Protein backbone atom coordinates (compact mmCIF):
# COMPACT_ATOMS: atom_id res chain seq x y z
CA MET A 1 -5.38 10.99 -16.49
CA LYS A 2 -2.23 9.12 -17.48
CA ARG A 3 -0.36 6.83 -15.39
CA SER A 4 2.49 9.17 -15.32
CA GLU A 5 0.48 11.96 -13.85
CA ILE A 6 -0.80 9.55 -11.14
CA GLN A 7 2.81 8.53 -10.34
CA GLN A 8 3.94 12.24 -10.31
CA ALA A 9 1.01 12.94 -7.55
CA ILE A 10 1.94 10.02 -5.72
CA ASP A 11 5.51 11.19 -5.57
CA TRP A 12 4.42 14.60 -4.62
CA ALA A 13 2.49 13.49 -1.92
CA LYS A 14 5.11 10.91 -0.48
CA ASP A 15 7.49 13.95 -0.48
CA PHE A 16 5.10 16.33 1.06
CA LEU A 17 4.34 14.04 3.84
CA GLY A 18 8.07 13.26 4.26
CA ARG A 19 8.80 16.87 4.92
CA SER A 20 5.91 16.93 7.41
CA GLN A 21 7.17 14.45 9.38
CA LEU A 22 4.09 12.39 8.72
CA ALA A 23 4.35 8.65 7.90
CA LEU A 24 2.10 6.24 6.12
CA PRO A 25 1.47 2.69 7.31
CA MET A 26 3.86 0.12 5.92
CA PHE A 27 1.40 -1.40 3.78
CA ALA A 28 1.08 1.99 1.80
CA ASN A 29 4.15 0.84 -0.14
CA TRP A 30 3.58 -2.75 -0.59
CA ASP A 31 3.40 -4.08 -3.94
CA ILE A 32 0.88 -6.49 -5.56
CA GLN A 33 2.77 -9.58 -4.36
CA GLU A 34 2.95 -8.36 -0.73
CA TRP A 35 -0.85 -7.67 -0.87
CA LYS A 36 -1.46 -11.23 -2.11
CA ALA A 37 0.91 -12.73 0.54
CA HIS A 38 -0.61 -10.67 3.49
CA PHE A 39 -4.28 -11.66 2.19
CA TYR A 40 -3.52 -15.26 2.20
CA GLU A 41 -1.55 -15.28 5.20
CA ARG A 42 -4.66 -13.70 6.99
CA TRP A 43 -6.84 -16.10 5.86
CA SER A 44 -5.01 -19.09 6.16
CA ASP A 45 -4.34 -18.30 10.02
CA SER A 46 -7.86 -17.82 10.62
CA SER A 47 -10.69 -20.25 11.12
CA GLU A 48 -12.77 -18.25 8.90
CA SER A 49 -13.63 -18.96 5.26
CA PHE A 50 -12.43 -16.83 2.34
CA PRO A 51 -14.78 -13.84 1.63
């Protein structure tokens, strides 16, 4: 499957959810930088070690 086909499916799903008045959690739209920031934020605030 091509990346353009995947993006088309994602766009269709977002449109469908919007028309159905359903919302995805905010992290559903995070880019890689936001994922990394939240990952490190999670572990730096914890006494736990990295996995």
